[in-house]
Amino acid sequence: MTPAHPFIRLRQLLICALPLSSLLASPARAELDANTISVTIAQGNAHCLIETETMSADEALAIAKAFIATDGISDEERDAVTSQPEFSDLMKAYIANQGGCKALVKQLQQ
């Protein structure tokens, strides 16, 4: 598998995950912004690619970073999202919504 292949699927998964914004929204935060959704999906996909040993950490994180950058999200904006206390829970919820890491990686490989 080449790194470009999962990168293309990341965009498709973003569309599938848009309903996730209502699922993940806390009462204090009525809806997630586009940056949070993009970063959550990219980081979640990278996490699963690494966890399943489908890609090295360097490759998976480079793809995630490139995906986030194509959405016009700066490194500072990405860091602001990932440093939020609820970020880990959002990423875990996204992965669970996709059926877990194995199912998510399988989707990325199709």
PDB file of N, CA and C in Angstrom:
ATOM      1  N   MET A   1       0.851  -1.173   0.000  1.00  0.00           N
ATOM      2  CA  MET A   1       0.000   0.000   0.000  1.00  0.00           C
ATOM      3  C   MET A   1       0.893   1.230   0.000  1.00  0.00           C
ATOM      4  N   THR A   2       0.548   2.188  -0.804  1.00  0.00           N
ATOM      5  CA  THR A   2       1.309   3.422  -0.850  1.00  0.00           C
ATOM      6  C   THR A   2       0.651   4.457   0.044  1.00  0.00           C
ATOM      7  N   PRO A   3       1.402   5.416   0.567  1.00  0.00           N
ATOM      8  CA  PRO A   3       0.818   6.433   1.431  1.00  0.00           C
ATOM      9  C   PRO A   3      -0.273   7.253   0.755  1.00  0.00           C
ATOM     10  N   ALA A   4      -0.240   7.400  -0.553  1.00  0.00           N
ATOM     11  CA  ALA A   4      -1.253   8.207  -1.238  1.00  0.00           C
ATOM     12  C   ALA A   4      -2.625   7.562  -1.146  1.00  0.00           C
ATOM     13  N   HIS A   5      -2.685   6.238  -1.135  1.00  0.00           N
ATOM     14  CA  HIS A   5      -3.971   5.552  -1.116  1.00  0.00           C
ATOM     15  C   HIS A   5      -4.799   5.888   0.134  1.00  0.00           C
ATOM     16  N   PRO A   6      -4.244   5.749   1.353  1.00  0.00           N
ATOM     17  CA  PRO A   6      -5.032   6.113   2.521  1.00  0.00           C
ATOM     18  C   PRO A   6      -5.340   7.603   2.568  1.00  0.00           C
ATOM     19  N   PHE A   7      -4.474   8.416   1.990  1.00  0.00           N
ATOM     20  CA  PHE A   7      -4.725   9.857   1.978  1.00  0.00           C
ATOM     21  C   PHE A   7      -6.019  10.162   1.233  1.00  0.00           C
ATOM     22  N   ILE A   8      -6.244   9.497   0.116  1.00  0.00           N
ATOM     23  CA  ILE A   8      -7.479   9.695  -0.646  1.00  0.00           C
ATOM     24  C   ILE A   8      -8.671   9.227   0.176  1.00  0.00           C
ATOM     25  N   ARG A   9      -8.557   8.092   0.845  1.00  0.00           N
ATOM     26  CA  ARG A   9      -9.655   7.572   1.650  1.00  0.00           C
ATOM     27  C   ARG A   9      -9.936   8.456   2.863  1.00  0.00           C
ATOM     28  N   LEU A  10      -8.947   9.191   3.365  1.00  0.00           N
ATOM     29  CA  LEU A  10      -9.188  10.089   4.489  1.00  0.00           C
ATOM     30  C   LEU A  10     -10.270  11.103   4.141  1.00  0.00           C
ATOM     31  N   ARG A  11     -10.222  11.641   2.932  1.00  0.00           N
ATOM     32  CA  ARG A  11     -11.238  12.603   2.502  1.00  0.00           C
ATOM     33  C   ARG A  11     -12.616  11.956   2.474  1.00  0.00           C
ATOM     34  N   GLN A  12     -12.691  10.736   1.959  1.00  0.00           N
ATOM     35  CA  GLN A  12     -13.975  10.052   1.892  1.00  0.00           C
ATOM     36  C   GLN A  12     -14.499   9.767   3.294  1.00  0.00           C
ATOM     37  N   LEU A  13     -13.615   9.397   4.210  1.00  0.00           N
ATOM     38  CA  LEU A  13     -14.038   9.144   5.579  1.00  0.00           C
ATOM     39  C   LEU A  13     -14.476  10.413   6.287  1.00  0.00           C
ATOM     40  N   LEU A  14     -13.921  11.552   5.892  1.00  0.00           N
ATOM     41  CA  LEU A  14     -14.346  12.819   6.473  1.00  0.00           C
ATOM     42  C   LEU A  14     -15.828  13.029   6.206  1.00  0.00           C
ATOM     43  N   ILE A  15     -16.259  12.761   4.995  1.00  0.00           N
ATOM     44  CA  ILE A  15     -17.666  12.918   4.640  1.00  0.00           C
ATOM     45  C   ILE A  15     -18.527  11.981   5.475  1.00  0.00           C
ATOM     46  N   CYS A  16     -18.073  10.744   5.647  1.00  0.00           N
ATOM     47  CA  CYS A  16     -18.815   9.769   6.441  1.00  0.00           C
ATOM     48  C   CYS A  16     -18.873  10.176   7.911  1.00  0.00           C
ATOM     49  N   ALA A  17     -17.883  10.902   8.368  1.00  0.00           N
ATOM     50  CA  ALA A  17     -17.791  11.235   9.783  1.00  0.00           C
ATOM     51  C   ALA A  17     -18.500  12.530  10.144  1.00  0.00           C
ATOM     52  N   LEU A  18     -19.022  13.255   9.181  1.00  0.00           N
ATOM     53  CA  LEU A  18     -19.687  14.509   9.515  1.00  0.00           C
ATOM     54  C   LEU A  18     -20.829  14.316  10.509  1.00  0.00           C
ATOM     55  N   PRO A  19     -21.644  13.251  10.398  1.00  0.00           N
ATOM     56  CA  PRO A  19     -22.650  13.046  11.435  1.00  0.00           C
ATOM     57  C   PRO A  19     -22.040  12.822  12.808  1.00  0.00           C
ATOM     58  N   LEU A  20     -20.774  12.472  12.830  1.00  0.00           N
ATOM     59  CA  LEU A  20     -20.070  12.273  14.081  1.00  0.00           C
ATOM     60  C   LEU A  20     -20.066  13.543  14.915  1.00  0.00           C
ATOM     61  N   SER A  21     -20.131  14.700  14.266  1.00  0.00           N
ATOM     62  CA  SER A  21     -20.086  15.953  15.017  1.00  0.00           C
ATOM     63  C   SER A  21     -21.235  16.046  16.007  1.00  0.00           C
ATOM     64  N   SER A  22     -22.415  15.585  15.631  1.00  0.00           N
ATOM     65  CA  SER A  22     -23.530  15.635  16.572  1.00  0.00           C
ATOM     66  C   SER A  22     -23.394  14.546  17.626  1.00  0.00           C
ATOM     67  N   LEU A  23     -22.847  13.400  17.244  1.00  0.00           N
ATOM     68  CA  LEU A  23     -22.651  12.307  18.178  1.00  0.00           C
ATOM     69  C   LEU A  23     -21.647  12.695  19.264  1.00  0.00           C
ATOM     70  N   LEU A  24     -20.607  13.414  18.874  1.00  0.00           N
ATOM     71  CA  LEU A  24     -19.521  13.727  19.791  1.00  0.00           C
ATOM     72  C   LEU A  24     -19.705  15.040  20.539  1.00  0.00           C
ATOM     73  N   ALA A  25     -20.658  15.824  20.141  1.00  0.00           N
ATOM     74  CA  ALA A  25     -20.812  17.148  20.741  1.00  0.00           C
ATOM     75  C   ALA A  25     -21.219  17.039  22.208  1.00  0.00           C
ATOM     76  N   SER A  26     -20.567  17.834  23.010  1.00  0.00           N
ATOM     77  CA  SER A  26     -20.932  17.888  24.422  1.00  0.00           C
ATOM     78  C   SER A  26     -21.998  18.961  24.589  1.00  0.00           C
ATOM     79  N   PRO A  27     -22.732  18.943  25.704  1.00  0.00           N
ATOM     80  CA  PRO A  27     -23.750  19.976  25.916  1.00  0.00           C
ATOM     81  C   PRO A  27     -23.173  21.388  25.856  1.00  0.00           C
ATOM     82  N   ALA A  28     -21.930  21.547  26.310  1.00  0.00           N
ATOM     83  CA  ALA A  28     -21.307  22.868  26.295  1.00  0.00           C
ATOM     84  C   ALA A  28     -20.841  23.257  24.903  1.00  0.00           C
ATOM     85  N   ARG A  29     -20.783  22.305  24.017  1.00  0.00           N
ATOM     86  CA  ARG A  29     -20.272  22.559  22.669  1.00  0.00           C
ATOM     87  C   ARG A  29     -21.255  21.959  21.678  1.00  0.00           C
ATOM     88  N   ALA A  30     -22.181  22.763  21.226  1.00  0.00           N
ATOM     89  CA  ALA A  30     -23.298  22.277  20.423  1.00  0.00           C
ATOM     90  C   ALA A  30     -22.854  21.569  19.154  1.00  0.00           C
ATOM     91  N   GLU A  31     -21.798  22.021  18.531  1.00  0.00           N
ATOM     92  CA  GLU A  31     -21.308  21.315  17.352  1.00  0.00           C
ATOM     93  C   GLU A  31     -19.820  21.515  17.197  1.00  0.00           C
ATOM     94  N   LEU A  32     -19.178  20.509  16.650  1.00  0.00           N
ATOM     95  CA  LEU A  32     -17.735  20.573  16.454  1.00  0.00           C
ATOM     96  C   LEU A  32     -17.428  21.387  15.210  1.00  0.00           C
ATOM     97  N   ASP A  33     -16.360  22.159  15.265  1.00  0.00           N
ATOM     98  CA  ASP A  33     -15.969  22.937  14.090  1.00  0.00           C
ATOM     99  C   ASP A  33     -15.240  22.034  13.096  1.00  0.00           C
ATOM    100  N   ALA A  34     -15.115  22.506  11.876  1.00  0.00           N
ATOM    101  CA  ALA A  34     -14.504  21.725  10.799  1.00  0.00           C
ATOM    102  C   ALA A  34     -13.063  21.349  11.121  1.00  0.00           C
ATOM    103  N   ASN A  35     -12.314  22.240  11.770  1.00  0.00           N
ATOM    104  CA  ASN A  35     -10.931  21.922  12.125  1.00  0.00           C
ATOM    105  C   ASN A  35     -10.868  20.740  13.084  1.00  0.00           C
ATOM    106  N   THR A  36     -11.732  20.735  14.069  1.00  0.00           N
ATOM    107  CA  THR A  36     -11.746  19.644  15.045  1.00  0.00           C
ATOM    108  C   THR A  36     -12.086  18.327  14.369  1.00  0.00           C
ATOM    109  N   ILE A  37     -13.055  18.350  13.473  1.00  0.00           N
ATOM    110  CA  ILE A  37     -13.437  17.131  12.759  1.00  0.00           C
ATOM    111  C   ILE A  37     -12.273  16.627  11.913  1.00  0.00           C
ATOM    112  N   SER A  38     -11.658  17.513  11.134  1.00  0.00           N
ATOM    113  CA  SER A  38     -10.543  17.105  10.266  1.00  0.00           C
ATOM    114  C   SER A  38      -9.376  16.541  11.057  1.00  0.00           C
ATOM    115  N   VAL A  39      -9.003  17.229  12.124  1.00  0.00           N
ATOM    116  CA  VAL A  39      -7.873  16.785  12.936  1.00  0.00           C
ATOM    117  C   VAL A  39      -8.199  15.455  13.622  1.00  0.00           C
ATOM    118  N   THR A  40      -9.404  15.323  14.131  1.00  0.00           N
ATOM    119  CA  THR A  40      -9.809  14.088  14.802  1.00  0.00           C
ATOM    120  C   THR A  40      -9.743  12.906  13.847  1.00  0.00           C
ATOM    121  N   ILE A  41     -10.255  13.080  12.657  1.00  0.00           N
ATOM    122  CA  ILE A  41     -10.256  12.002  11.667  1.00  0.00           C
ATOM    123  C   ILE A  41      -8.835  11.665  11.234  1.00  0.00           C
ATOM    124  N   ALA A  42      -8.049  12.677  10.904  1.00  0.00           N
ATOM    125  CA  ALA A  42      -6.677  12.424  10.450  1.00  0.00           C
ATOM    126  C   ALA A  42      -5.856  11.730  11.534  1.00  0.00           C
ATOM    127  N   GLN A  43      -5.962  12.211  12.758  1.00  0.00           N
ATOM    128  CA  GLN A  43      -5.193  11.618  13.852  1.00  0.00           C
ATOM    129  C   GLN A  43      -5.710  10.218  14.184  1.00  0.00           C
ATOM    130  N   GLY A  44      -7.020  10.042  14.127  1.00  0.00           N
ATOM    131  CA  GLY A  44      -7.592   8.714  14.383  1.00  0.00           C
ATOM    132  C   GLY A  44      -7.142   7.705  13.348  1.00  0.00           C
ATOM    133  N   ASN A  45      -7.155   8.112  12.084  1.00  0.00           N
ATOM    134  CA  ASN A  45      -6.693   7.217  11.024  1.00  0.00           C
ATOM    135  C   ASN A  45      -5.218   6.881  11.203  1.00  0.00           C
ATOM    136  N   ALA A  46      -4.415   7.894  11.510  1.00  0.00           N
ATOM    137  CA  ALA A  46      -2.982   7.655  11.727  1.00  0.00           C
ATOM    138  C   ALA A  46      -2.781   6.704  12.907  1.00  0.00           C
ATOM    139  N   HIS A  47      -3.509   6.932  13.971  1.00  0.00           N
ATOM    140  CA  HIS A  47      -3.415   6.073  15.153  1.00  0.00           C
ATOM    141  C   HIS A  47      -3.671   4.615  14.769  1.00  0.00           C
ATOM    142  N   CYS A  48      -4.714   4.384  13.993  1.00  0.00           N
ATOM    143  CA  CYS A  48      -5.062   3.010  13.627  1.00  0.00           C
ATOM    144  C   CYS A  48      -4.074   2.399  12.635  1.00  0.00           C
ATOM    145  N   LEU A  49      -3.570   3.197  11.712  1.00  0.00           N
ATOM    146  CA  LEU A  49      -2.559   2.694  10.782  1.00  0.00           C
ATOM    147  C   LEU A  49      -1.308   2.256  11.540  1.00  0.00           C
ATOM    148  N   ILE A  50      -0.984   2.991  12.590  1.00  0.00           N
ATOM    149  CA  ILE A  50       0.179   2.649  13.416  1.00  0.00           C
ATOM    150  C   ILE A  50      -0.133   1.439  14.295  1.00  0.00           C
ATOM    151  N   GLU A  51      -1.279   1.468  14.968  1.00  0.00           N
ATOM    152  CA  GLU A  51      -1.644   0.398  15.902  1.00  0.00           C
ATOM    153  C   GLU A  51      -1.733  -0.964  15.214  1.00  0.00           C
ATOM    154  N   THR A  52      -2.243  -0.982  13.984  1.00  0.00           N
ATOM    155  CA  THR A  52      -2.371  -2.245  13.255  1.00  0.00           C
ATOM    156  C   THR A  52      -1.098  -2.607  12.501  1.00  0.00           C
ATOM    157  N   GLU A  53      -0.087  -1.782  12.656  1.00  0.00           N
ATOM    158  CA  GLU A  53       1.205  -1.972  11.990  1.00  0.00           C
ATOM    159  C   GLU A  53       1.075  -1.993  10.468  1.00  0.00           C
ATOM    160  N   THR A  54       0.088  -1.259   9.966  1.00  0.00           N
ATOM    161  CA  THR A  54      -0.102  -1.124   8.527  1.00  0.00           C
ATOM    162  C   THR A  54       0.936  -0.174   7.953  1.00  0.00           C
ATOM    163  N   MET A  55       1.316   0.827   8.740  1.00  0.00           N
ATOM    164  CA  MET A  55       2.325   1.808   8.344  1.00  0.00           C
ATOM    165  C   MET A  55       3.203   2.114   9.541  1.00  0.00           C
ATOM    166  N   SER A  56       4.363   2.629   9.220  1.00  0.00           N
ATOM    167  CA  SER A  56       5.227   3.099  10.311  1.00  0.00           C
ATOM    168  C   SER A  56       4.623   4.379  10.881  1.00  0.00           C
ATOM    169  N   ALA A  57       5.016   4.714  12.071  1.00  0.00           N
ATOM    170  CA  ALA A  57       4.519   5.935  12.700  1.00  0.00           C
ATOM    171  C   ALA A  57       4.870   7.160  11.858  1.00  0.00           C
ATOM    172  N   ASP A  58       6.083   7.203  11.332  1.00  0.00           N
ATOM    173  CA  ASP A  58       6.495   8.347  10.515  1.00  0.00           C
ATOM    174  C   ASP A  58       5.615   8.510   9.282  1.00  0.00           C
ATOM    175  N   GLU A  59       5.335   7.393   8.599  1.00  0.00           N
ATOM    176  CA  GLU A  59       4.498   7.458   7.390  1.00  0.00           C
ATOM    177  C   GLU A  59       3.075   7.896   7.718  1.00  0.00           C
ATOM    178  N   ALA A  60       2.479   7.267   8.714  1.00  0.00           N
ATOM    179  CA  ALA A  60       1.093   7.565   9.067  1.00  0.00           C
ATOM    180  C   ALA A  60       0.938   9.004   9.545  1.00  0.00           C
ATOM    181  N   LEU A  61       1.862   9.472  10.360  1.00  0.00           N
ATOM    182  CA  LEU A  61       1.777  10.845  10.862  1.00  0.00           C
ATOM    183  C   LEU A  61       2.034  11.868   9.759  1.00  0.00           C
ATOM    184  N   ALA A  62       2.895  11.520   8.811  1.00  0.00           N
ATOM    185  CA  ALA A  62       3.130  12.419   7.675  1.00  0.00           C
ATOM    186  C   ALA A  62       1.872  12.555   6.826  1.00  0.00           C
ATOM    187  N   ILE A  63       1.163  11.458   6.629  1.00  0.00           N
ATOM    188  CA  ILE A  63      -0.089  11.506   5.871  1.00  0.00           C
ATOM    189  C   ILE A  63      -1.119  12.343   6.617  1.00  0.00           C
ATOM    190  N   ALA A  64      -1.234  12.124   7.919  1.00  0.00           N
ATOM    191  CA  ALA A  64      -2.187  12.892   8.720  1.00  0.00           C
ATOM    192  C   ALA A  64      -1.866  14.384   8.655  1.00  0.00           C
ATOM    193  N   LYS A  65      -0.597  14.713   8.785  1.00  0.00           N
ATOM    194  CA  LYS A  65      -0.179  16.119   8.744  1.00  0.00           C
ATOM    195  C   LYS A  65      -0.481  16.735   7.378  1.00  0.00           C
ATOM    196  N   ALA A  66      -0.231  15.984   6.307  1.00  0.00           N
ATOM    197  CA  ALA A  66      -0.510  16.488   4.955  1.00  0.00           C
ATOM    198  C   ALA A  66      -2.012  16.674   4.755  1.00  0.00           C
ATOM    199  N   PHE A  67      -2.810  15.736   5.234  1.00  0.00           N
ATOM    200  CA  PHE A  67      -4.265  15.847   5.122  1.00  0.00           C
ATOM    201  C   PHE A  67      -4.763  17.092   5.842  1.00  0.00           C
ATOM    202  N   ILE A  68      -4.267  17.300   7.042  1.00  0.00           N
ATOM    203  CA  ILE A  68      -4.674  18.457   7.835  1.00  0.00           C
ATOM    204  C   ILE A  68      -4.257  19.749   7.127  1.00  0.00           C
ATOM    205  N   ALA A  69      -3.066  19.766   6.577  1.00  0.00           N
ATOM    206  CA  ALA A  69      -2.577  20.964   5.866  1.00  0.00           C
ATOM    207  C   ALA A  69      -3.408  21.263   4.626  1.00  0.00           C
ATOM    208  N   THR A  70      -3.869  20.222   3.908  1.00  0.00           N
ATOM    209  CA  THR A  70      -4.684  20.473   2.710  1.00  0.00           C
ATOM    210  C   THR A  70      -6.029  21.085   3.071  1.00  0.00           C
ATOM    211  N   ASP A  71      -6.442  20.918   4.308  1.00  0.00           N
ATOM    212  CA  ASP A  71      -7.672  21.561   4.769  1.00  0.00           C
ATOM    213  C   ASP A  71      -7.417  22.983   5.260  1.00  0.00           C
ATOM    214  N   GLY A  72      -6.180  23.457   5.094  1.00  0.00           N
ATOM    215  CA  GLY A  72      -5.844  24.823   5.489  1.00  0.00           C
ATOM    216  C   GLY A  72      -5.673  25.002   6.982  1.00  0.00           C
ATOM    217  N   ILE A  73      -5.413  23.919   7.679  1.00  0.00           N
ATOM    218  CA  ILE A  73      -5.245  23.973   9.129  1.00  0.00           C
ATOM    219  C   ILE A  73      -3.750  24.053   9.444  1.00  0.00           C
ATOM    220  N   SER A  74      -3.362  25.101  10.151  1.00  0.00           N
ATOM    221  CA  SER A  74      -1.953  25.292  10.486  1.00  0.00           C
ATOM    222  C   SER A  74      -1.541  24.337  11.602  1.00  0.00           C
ATOM    223  N   ASP A  75      -0.234  24.207  11.783  1.00  0.00           N
ATOM    224  CA  ASP A  75       0.287  23.375  12.875  1.00  0.00           C
ATOM    225  C   ASP A  75      -0.214  23.888  14.226  1.00  0.00           C
ATOM    226  N   GLU A  76      -0.298  25.191  14.363  1.00  0.00           N
ATOM    227  CA  GLU A  76      -0.770  25.774  15.624  1.00  0.00           C
ATOM    228  C   GLU A  76      -2.239  25.436  15.868  1.00  0.00           C
ATOM    229  N   GLU A  77      -3.053  25.511  14.820  1.00  0.00           N
ATOM    230  CA  GLU A  77      -4.467  25.162  14.958  1.00  0.00           C
ATOM    231  C   GLU A  77      -4.631  23.674  15.282  1.00  0.00           C
ATOM    232  N   ARG A  78      -3.833  22.832  14.617  1.00  0.00           N
ATOM    233  CA  ARG A  78      -3.860  21.388  14.893  1.00  0.00           C
ATOM    234  C   ARG A  78      -3.501  21.128  16.350  1.00  0.00           C
ATOM    235  N   ASP A  79      -2.426  21.781  16.813  1.00  0.00           N
ATOM    236  CA  ASP A  79      -1.990  21.591  18.196  1.00  0.00           C
ATOM    237  C   ASP A  79      -3.049  22.066  19.187  1.00  0.00           C
ATOM    238  N   ALA A  80      -3.753  23.130  18.834  1.00  0.00           N
ATOM    239  CA  ALA A  80      -4.821  23.627  19.710  1.00  0.00           C
ATOM    240  C   ALA A  80      -5.935  22.590  19.826  1.00  0.00           C
ATOM    241  N   VAL A  81      -6.248  21.921  18.732  1.00  0.00           N
ATOM    242  CA  VAL A  81      -7.286  20.883  18.763  1.00  0.00           C
ATOM    243  C   VAL A  81      -6.809  19.685  19.580  1.00  0.00           C
ATOM    244  N   THR A  82      -5.601  19.203  19.286  1.00  0.00           N
ATOM    245  CA  THR A  82      -5.124  17.992  19.967  1.00  0.00           C
ATOM    246  C   THR A  82      -4.827  18.216  21.441  1.00  0.00           C
ATOM    247  N   SER A  83      -4.656  19.453  21.860  1.00  0.00           N
ATOM    248  CA  SER A  83      -4.382  19.728  23.277  1.00  0.00           C
ATOM    249  C   SER A  83      -5.661  19.904  24.100  1.00  0.00           C
ATOM    250  N   GLN A  84      -6.812  19.892  23.440  1.00  0.00           N
ATOM    251  CA  GLN A  84      -8.072  20.004  24.172  1.00  0.00           C
ATOM    252  C   GLN A  84      -8.284  18.751  25.026  1.00  0.00           C
ATOM    253  N   PRO A  85      -8.804  18.910  26.241  1.00  0.00           N
ATOM    254  CA  PRO A  85      -8.973  17.754  27.128  1.00  0.00           C
ATOM    255  C   PRO A  85      -9.854  16.647  26.525  1.00  0.00           C
ATOM    256  N   GLU A  86     -10.820  17.005  25.702  1.00  0.00           N
ATOM    257  CA  GLU A  86     -11.736  16.010  25.150  1.00  0.00           C
ATOM    258  C   GLU A  86     -11.226  15.378  23.850  1.00  0.00           C
ATOM    259  N   PHE A  87     -10.062  15.802  23.361  1.00  0.00           N
ATOM    260  CA  PHE A  87      -9.601  15.310  22.066  1.00  0.00           C
ATOM    261  C   PHE A  87      -9.445  13.791  22.035  1.00  0.00           C
ATOM    262  N   SER A  88      -8.835  13.218  23.043  1.00  0.00           N
ATOM    263  CA  SER A  88      -8.632  11.773  23.075  1.00  0.00           C
ATOM    264  C   SER A  88      -9.969  11.032  23.007  1.00  0.00           C
ATOM    265  N   ASP A  89     -10.959  11.533  23.738  1.00  0.00           N
ATOM    266  CA  ASP A  89     -12.284  10.911  23.704  1.00  0.00           C
ATOM    267  C   ASP A  89     -12.930  11.052  22.331  1.00  0.00           C
ATOM    268  N   LEU A  90     -12.747  12.213  21.691  1.00  0.00           N
ATOM    269  CA  LEU A  90     -13.288  12.406  20.341  1.00  0.00           C
ATOM    270  C   LEU A  90     -12.658  11.415  19.366  1.00  0.00           C
ATOM    271  N   MET A  91     -11.339  11.267  19.448  1.00  0.00           N
ATOM    272  CA  MET A  91     -10.650  10.358  18.543  1.00  0.00           C
ATOM    273  C   MET A  91     -11.095   8.918  18.790  1.00  0.00           C
ATOM    274  N   LYS A  92     -11.209   8.526  20.045  1.00  0.00           N
ATOM    275  CA  LYS A  92     -11.671   7.174  20.373  1.00  0.00           C
ATOM    276  C   LYS A  92     -13.100   6.944  19.881  1.00  0.00           C
ATOM    277  N   ALA A  93     -13.948   7.953  20.011  1.00  0.00           N
ATOM    278  CA  ALA A  93     -15.333   7.829  19.537  1.00  0.00           C
ATOM    279  C   ALA A  93     -15.380   7.698  18.019  1.00  0.00           C
ATOM    280  N   TYR A  94     -14.529   8.462  17.326  1.00  0.00           N
ATOM    281  CA  TYR A  94     -14.459   8.347  15.863  1.00  0.00           C
ATOM    282  C   TYR A  94     -14.039   6.937  15.467  1.00  0.00           C
ATOM    283  N   ILE A  95     -12.999   6.410  16.103  1.00  0.00           N
ATOM    284  CA  ILE A  95     -12.507   5.068  15.786  1.00  0.00           C
ATOM    285  C   ILE A  95     -13.590   4.032  16.078  1.00  0.00           C
ATOM    286  N   ALA A  96     -14.244   4.153  17.205  1.00  0.00           N
ATOM    287  CA  ALA A  96     -15.321   3.218  17.557  1.00  0.00           C
ATOM    288  C   ALA A  96     -16.463   3.305  16.547  1.00  0.00           C
ATOM    289  N   ASN A  97     -16.780   4.514  16.101  1.00  0.00           N
ATOM    290  CA  ASN A  97     -17.850   4.719  15.124  1.00  0.00           C
ATOM    291  C   ASN A  97     -17.527   4.055  13.785  1.00  0.00           C
ATOM    292  N   GLN A  98     -16.242   3.902  13.505  1.00  0.00           N
ATOM    293  CA  GLN A  98     -15.814   3.255  12.260  1.00  0.00           C
ATOM    294  C   GLN A  98     -15.690   1.742  12.427  1.00  0.00           C
ATOM    295  N   GLY A  99     -15.962   1.226  13.621  1.00  0.00           N
ATOM    296  CA  GLY A  99     -15.887  -0.215  13.868  1.00  0.00           C
ATOM    297  C   GLY A  99     -14.587  -0.674  14.489  1.00  0.00           C
ATOM    298  N   GLY A 100     -13.790   0.257  14.968  1.00  0.00           N
ATOM    299  CA  GLY A 100     -12.506  -0.070  15.563  1.00  0.00           C
ATOM    300  C   GLY A 100     -11.386   0.077  14.551  1.00  0.00           C
ATOM    301  N   CYS A 101     -10.165  -0.068  15.025  1.00  0.00           N
ATOM    302  CA  CYS A 101      -9.004   0.168  14.167  1.00  0.00           C
ATOM    303  C   CYS A 101      -8.918  -0.793  12.990  1.00  0.00           C
ATOM    304  N   LYS A 102      -9.174  -2.076  13.233  1.00  0.00           N
ATOM    305  CA  LYS A 102      -9.074  -3.034  12.128  1.00  0.00           C
ATOM    306  C   LYS A 102     -10.068  -2.704  11.020  1.00  0.00           C
ATOM    307  N   ALA A 103     -11.296  -2.391  11.386  1.00  0.00           N
ATOM    308  CA  ALA A 103     -12.316  -2.048  10.384  1.00  0.00           C
ATOM    309  C   ALA A 103     -11.979  -0.736   9.684  1.00  0.00           C
ATOM    310  N   LEU A 104     -11.479   0.232  10.432  1.00  0.00           N
ATOM    311  CA  LEU A 104     -11.119   1.518   9.840  1.00  0.00           C
ATOM    312  C   LEU A 104      -9.999   1.344   8.816  1.00  0.00           C
ATOM    313  N   VAL A 105      -8.975   0.582   9.170  1.00  0.00           N
ATOM    314  CA  VAL A 105      -7.866   0.352   8.239  1.00  0.00           C
ATOM    315  C   VAL A 105      -8.353  -0.397   7.006  1.00  0.00           C
ATOM    316  N   LYS A 106      -9.245  -1.338   7.206  1.00  0.00           N
ATOM    317  CA  LYS A 106      -9.811  -2.077   6.068  1.00  0.00           C
ATOM    318  C   LYS A 106     -10.519  -1.100   5.119  1.00  0.00           C
ATOM    319  N   GLN A 107     -11.263  -0.142   5.683  1.00  0.00           N
ATOM    320  CA  GLN A 107     -11.915   0.891   4.846  1.00  0.00           C
ATOM    321  C   GLN A 107     -10.881   1.716   4.106  1.00  0.00           C
ATOM    322  N   LEU A 108      -9.795   2.060   4.774  1.00  0.00           N
ATOM    323  CA  LEU A 108      -8.751   2.856   4.140  1.00  0.00           C
ATOM    324  C   LEU A 108      -8.094   2.103   2.993  1.00  0.00           C
ATOM    325  N   GLN A 109      -8.031   0.799   3.106  1.00  0.00           N
ATOM    326  CA  GLN A 109      -7.359   0.002   2.081  1.00  0.00           C
ATOM    327  C   GLN A 109      -8.234  -0.303   0.874  1.00  0.00           C
ATOM    328  N   GLN A 110      -9.521  -0.064   0.980  1.00  0.00           N
ATOM    329  CA  GLN A 110     -10.422  -0.360  -0.151  1.00  0.00           C
ATOM    330  C   GLN A 110     -10.320   0.665  -1.235  1.00  0.00           C
TER     331      GLN A 110
END
